[in-house]
């Protein structure tokens, strides 16, 4: 069975989330430094069958592209060339960081945990992935 990998791409860090093998539940997975993301994906794909990669696409509140959108699209282009055998899709990531912060707070996590931005990144990735699964009816 295969999984879906979700990427919340950032200039410093990349939040990652994955599904279970039945592709029902999205879970926060890891946060990786942006400079190490391709190496990490290579290792992960060699260990785990990945059917689809979903990348969160950032837009401003009016739905317009930003500098972050352009950098993410450039990253997506690299992924498409490096992993042509894996399907790739994007998903609007507006508001996910805010929702992730609120979710972590509702979970009763410590202030130290909440202030660690890497936790926000991987929870954001799981929110993007769970929303994607719901929207696509997977």
C-alpha atoms as a PDB file:
ATOM      1  CA  UNK A   1       0.000   0.000   0.000  1.00  0.00           C
ATOM      2  CA  UNK A   2       1.136   3.539  -0.604  1.00  0.00           C
ATOM      3  CA  UNK A   3       0.880   6.867   1.161  1.00  0.00           C
ATOM      4  CA  UNK A   4       0.352  10.502   0.276  1.00  0.00           C
ATOM      5  CA  UNK A   5       3.078  12.936   1.316  1.00  0.00           C
ATOM      6  CA  UNK A   6       2.169  16.574   1.892  1.00  0.00           C
ATOM      7  CA  UNK A   7       4.677  19.403   1.816  1.00  0.00           C
ATOM      8  CA  UNK A   8       4.236  22.830   3.383  1.00  0.00           C
ATOM      9  CA  UNK A   9       7.196  24.520   1.694  1.00  0.00           C
ATOM     10  CA  UNK A  10       8.926  27.448   3.358  1.00  0.00           C
ATOM     11  CA  UNK A  11      12.142  29.358   2.836  1.00  0.00           C
ATOM     12  CA  UNK A  12      13.652  28.114   6.124  1.00  0.00           C
ATOM     13  CA  UNK A  13      11.677  24.985   6.991  1.00  0.00           C
ATOM     14  CA  UNK A  14       9.427  22.482   5.280  1.00  0.00           C
ATOM     15  CA  UNK A  15       6.553  20.927   7.188  1.00  0.00           C
ATOM     16  CA  UNK A  16       5.639  17.395   6.195  1.00  0.00           C
ATOM     17  CA  UNK A  17       2.559  15.287   6.770  1.00  0.00           C
ATOM     18  CA  UNK A  18       1.656  11.796   5.580  1.00  0.00           C
ATOM     19  CA  UNK A  19      -1.421   9.654   5.322  1.00  0.00           C
ATOM     20  CA  UNK A  20      -1.855   6.200   6.728  1.00  0.00           C
ATOM     21  CA  UNK A  21      -1.674   3.423   4.132  1.00  0.00           C
ATOM     22  CA  UNK A  22      -5.446   3.515   3.626  1.00  0.00           C
ATOM     23  CA  UNK A  23      -5.211   7.244   2.882  1.00  0.00           C
ATOM     24  CA  UNK A  24      -7.850   8.128   5.470  1.00  0.00           C
ATOM     25  CA  UNK A  25      -5.955  10.066   8.133  1.00  0.00           C
ATOM     26  CA  UNK A  26      -3.363  12.805   7.688  1.00  0.00           C
ATOM     27  CA  UNK A  27      -0.777  13.059  10.453  1.00  0.00           C
ATOM     28  CA  UNK A  28       1.967  15.595  11.142  1.00  0.00           C
ATOM     29  CA  UNK A  29       5.238  13.897  10.255  1.00  0.00           C
ATOM     30  CA  UNK A  30       8.399  15.993  10.362  1.00  0.00           C
ATOM     31  CA  UNK A  31       9.918  19.380   9.809  1.00  0.00           C
ATOM     32  CA  UNK A  32      13.050  19.542   7.683  1.00  0.00           C
ATOM     33  CA  UNK A  33      15.370  22.424   6.841  1.00  0.00           C
ATOM     34  CA  UNK A  34      14.606  23.635   3.325  1.00  0.00           C
ATOM     35  CA  UNK A  35      18.202  23.010   2.235  1.00  0.00           C
ATOM     36  CA  UNK A  36      17.783  19.301   3.138  1.00  0.00           C
ATOM     37  CA  UNK A  37      14.292  18.631   1.733  1.00  0.00           C
ATOM     38  CA  UNK A  38      15.254  16.898  -1.534  1.00  0.00           C
ATOM     39  CA  UNK A  39      17.640  14.566   0.285  1.00  0.00           C
ATOM     40  CA  UNK A  40      14.945  13.821   2.858  1.00  0.00           C
ATOM     41  CA  UNK A  41      12.341  13.092   0.173  1.00  0.00           C
ATOM     42  CA  UNK A  42      14.811  10.791  -1.629  1.00  0.00           C
ATOM     43  CA  UNK A  43      15.344   8.766   1.544  1.00  0.00           C
ATOM     44  CA  UNK A  44      11.647   8.684   2.388  1.00  0.00           C
ATOM     45  CA  UNK A  45      10.620   7.547  -1.103  1.00  0.00           C
ATOM     46  CA  UNK A  46      13.255   4.801  -1.015  1.00  0.00           C
ATOM     47  CA  UNK A  47      11.788   3.487   2.270  1.00  0.00           C
ATOM     48  CA  UNK A  48       8.078   4.133   1.706  1.00  0.00           C
ATOM     49  CA  UNK A  49       5.855   3.842  -1.335  1.00  0.00           C
ATOM     50  CA  UNK A  50       4.463   7.301  -2.124  1.00  0.00           C
ATOM     51  CA  UNK A  51       1.577   7.495  -4.582  1.00  0.00           C
ATOM     52  CA  UNK A  52       1.076  11.252  -4.526  1.00  0.00           C
ATOM     53  CA  UNK A  53       2.810  14.390  -3.308  1.00  0.00           C
ATOM     54  CA  UNK A  54       0.588  17.326  -2.366  1.00  0.00           C
ATOM     55  CA  UNK A  55       2.248  20.722  -2.033  1.00  0.00           C
ATOM     56  CA  UNK A  56       0.568  23.602  -0.228  1.00  0.00           C
ATOM     57  CA  UNK A  57       0.394  26.610  -2.530  1.00  0.00           C
ATOM     58  CA  UNK A  58       0.506  29.996  -0.783  1.00  0.00           C
ATOM     59  CA  UNK A  59      -1.664  32.884  -1.947  1.00  0.00           C
ATOM     60  CA  UNK A  60      -2.505  36.191  -0.306  1.00  0.00           C
ATOM     61  CA  UNK A  61      -5.971  36.727   1.172  1.00  0.00           C
ATOM     62  CA  UNK A  62      -7.318  37.891  -2.200  1.00  0.00           C
ATOM     63  CA  UNK A  63      -6.117  34.683  -3.868  1.00  0.00           C
ATOM     64  CA  UNK A  64      -3.254  36.373  -5.682  1.00  0.00           C
ATOM     65  CA  UNK A  65       0.265  35.022  -6.096  1.00  0.00           C
ATOM     66  CA  UNK A  66       3.012  36.250  -3.781  1.00  0.00           C
ATOM     67  CA  UNK A  67       6.803  35.893  -3.740  1.00  0.00           C
ATOM     68  CA  UNK A  68       6.285  32.729  -1.697  1.00  0.00           C
ATOM     69  CA  UNK A  69       3.989  31.379  -4.434  1.00  0.00           C
ATOM     70  CA  UNK A  70       6.709  31.827  -7.042  1.00  0.00           C
ATOM     71  CA  UNK A  71       9.316  30.085  -4.867  1.00  0.00           C
ATOM     72  CA  UNK A  72       6.931  27.228  -4.155  1.00  0.00           C
ATOM     73  CA  UNK A  73       6.137  26.845  -7.869  1.00  0.00           C
ATOM     74  CA  UNK A  74       9.878  26.687  -8.558  1.00  0.00           C
ATOM     75  CA  UNK A  75      10.204  23.944  -5.912  1.00  0.00           C
ATOM     76  CA  UNK A  76       7.274  22.074  -7.499  1.00  0.00           C
ATOM     77  CA  UNK A  77       9.071  22.229 -10.843  1.00  0.00           C
ATOM     78  CA  UNK A  78      12.107  20.571  -9.262  1.00  0.00           C
ATOM     79  CA  UNK A  79       9.883  17.856  -7.754  1.00  0.00           C
ATOM     80  CA  UNK A  80       8.194  17.150 -11.109  1.00  0.00           C
ATOM     81  CA  UNK A  81      11.587  16.694 -12.823  1.00  0.00           C
ATOM     82  CA  UNK A  82      13.114  14.629 -10.026  1.00  0.00           C
ATOM     83  CA  UNK A  83      10.106  12.359  -9.389  1.00  0.00           C
ATOM     84  CA  UNK A  84       8.196  12.004 -12.693  1.00  0.00           C
ATOM     85  CA  UNK A  85       6.863   8.616 -11.532  1.00  0.00           C
ATOM     86  CA  UNK A  86       4.942  10.193  -8.623  1.00  0.00           C
ATOM     87  CA  UNK A  87       1.729  12.178  -9.153  1.00  0.00           C
ATOM     88  CA  UNK A  88       1.902  15.727  -7.842  1.00  0.00           C
ATOM     89  CA  UNK A  89      -0.930  18.063  -6.903  1.00  0.00           C
ATOM     90  CA  UNK A  90      -1.250  21.420  -5.151  1.00  0.00           C
ATOM     91  CA  UNK A  91      -3.678  22.707  -2.580  1.00  0.00           C
ATOM     92  CA  UNK A  92      -4.464  26.229  -1.390  1.00  0.00           C
ATOM     93  CA  UNK A  93      -2.792  26.702   1.986  1.00  0.00           C
ATOM     94  CA  UNK A  94      -4.351  30.005   3.021  1.00  0.00           C
ATOM     95  CA  UNK A  95      -5.070  30.213   6.762  1.00  0.00           C
ATOM     96  CA  UNK A  96      -3.390  26.885   7.589  1.00  0.00           C
ATOM     97  CA  UNK A  97      -0.708  28.403   9.841  1.00  0.00           C
ATOM     98  CA  UNK A  98      -3.369  30.259  11.801  1.00  0.00           C
ATOM     99  CA  UNK A  99      -5.501  27.115  12.086  1.00  0.00           C
ATOM    100  CA  UNK A 100      -2.414  25.117  13.133  1.00  0.00           C
ATOM    101  CA  UNK A 101      -1.627  27.591  15.920  1.00  0.00           C
ATOM    102  CA  UNK A 102      -5.221  27.448  17.165  1.00  0.00           C
ATOM    103  CA  UNK A 103      -5.245  23.646  16.976  1.00  0.00           C
ATOM    104  CA  UNK A 104      -2.028  23.351  18.974  1.00  0.00           C
ATOM    105  CA  UNK A 105      -3.454  25.717  21.585  1.00  0.00           C
ATOM    106  CA  UNK A 106      -6.699  23.695  21.822  1.00  0.00           C
ATOM    107  CA  UNK A 107      -4.624  20.542  22.276  1.00  0.00           C
ATOM    108  CA  UNK A 108      -3.288  22.077  25.487  1.00  0.00           C
ATOM    109  CA  UNK A 109       0.330  21.974  24.387  1.00  0.00           C
ATOM    110  CA  UNK A 110       2.944  23.850  26.415  1.00  0.00           C
ATOM    111  CA  UNK A 111       4.042  27.371  25.550  1.00  0.00           C
ATOM    112  CA  UNK A 112       7.459  26.003  24.554  1.00  0.00           C
ATOM    113  CA  UNK A 113       5.818  23.541  22.130  1.00  0.00           C
ATOM    114  CA  UNK A 114       3.579  26.276  20.685  1.00  0.00           C
ATOM    115  CA  UNK A 115       6.525  28.623  20.131  1.00  0.00           C
ATOM    116  CA  UNK A 116       8.503  26.011  18.201  1.00  0.00           C
ATOM    117  CA  UNK A 117       7.698  26.980  14.616  1.00  0.00           C
ATOM    118  CA  UNK A 118       8.651  23.529  13.345  1.00  0.00           C
ATOM    119  CA  UNK A 119       5.597  22.143  15.159  1.00  0.00           C
ATOM    120  CA  UNK A 120       3.372  24.705  13.448  1.00  0.00           C
ATOM    121  CA  UNK A 121       4.855  23.749  10.054  1.00  0.00           C
ATOM    122  CA  UNK A 122       4.130  20.029  10.363  1.00  0.00           C
ATOM    123  CA  UNK A 123       0.652  20.605  11.817  1.00  0.00           C
ATOM    124  CA  UNK A 124      -0.026  23.010   8.929  1.00  0.00           C
ATOM    125  CA  UNK A 125       1.033  20.297   6.478  1.00  0.00           C
ATOM    126  CA  UNK A 126      -1.381  17.849   8.115  1.00  0.00           C
ATOM    127  CA  UNK A 127      -4.220  20.389   7.882  1.00  0.00           C
ATOM    128  CA  UNK A 128      -3.469  20.919   4.187  1.00  0.00           C
ATOM    129  CA  UNK A 129      -3.419  17.163   3.616  1.00  0.00           C
ATOM    130  CA  UNK A 130      -6.599  16.425   5.581  1.00  0.00           C
ATOM    131  CA  UNK A 131      -8.389  19.223   3.684  1.00  0.00           C
ATOM    132  CA  UNK A 132      -7.081  17.813   0.411  1.00  0.00           C
ATOM    133  CA  UNK A 133      -8.343  14.327   1.284  1.00  0.00           C
ATOM    134  CA  UNK A 134     -11.756  15.691   2.200  1.00  0.00           C
ATOM    135  CA  UNK A 135     -12.045  17.828  -0.946  1.00  0.00           C
ATOM    136  CA  UNK A 136     -10.961  15.016  -3.249  1.00  0.00           C
ATOM    137  CA  UNK A 137     -13.190  12.489  -1.530  1.00  0.00           C
ATOM    138  CA  UNK A 138     -10.277  10.183  -0.736  1.00  0.00           C
END
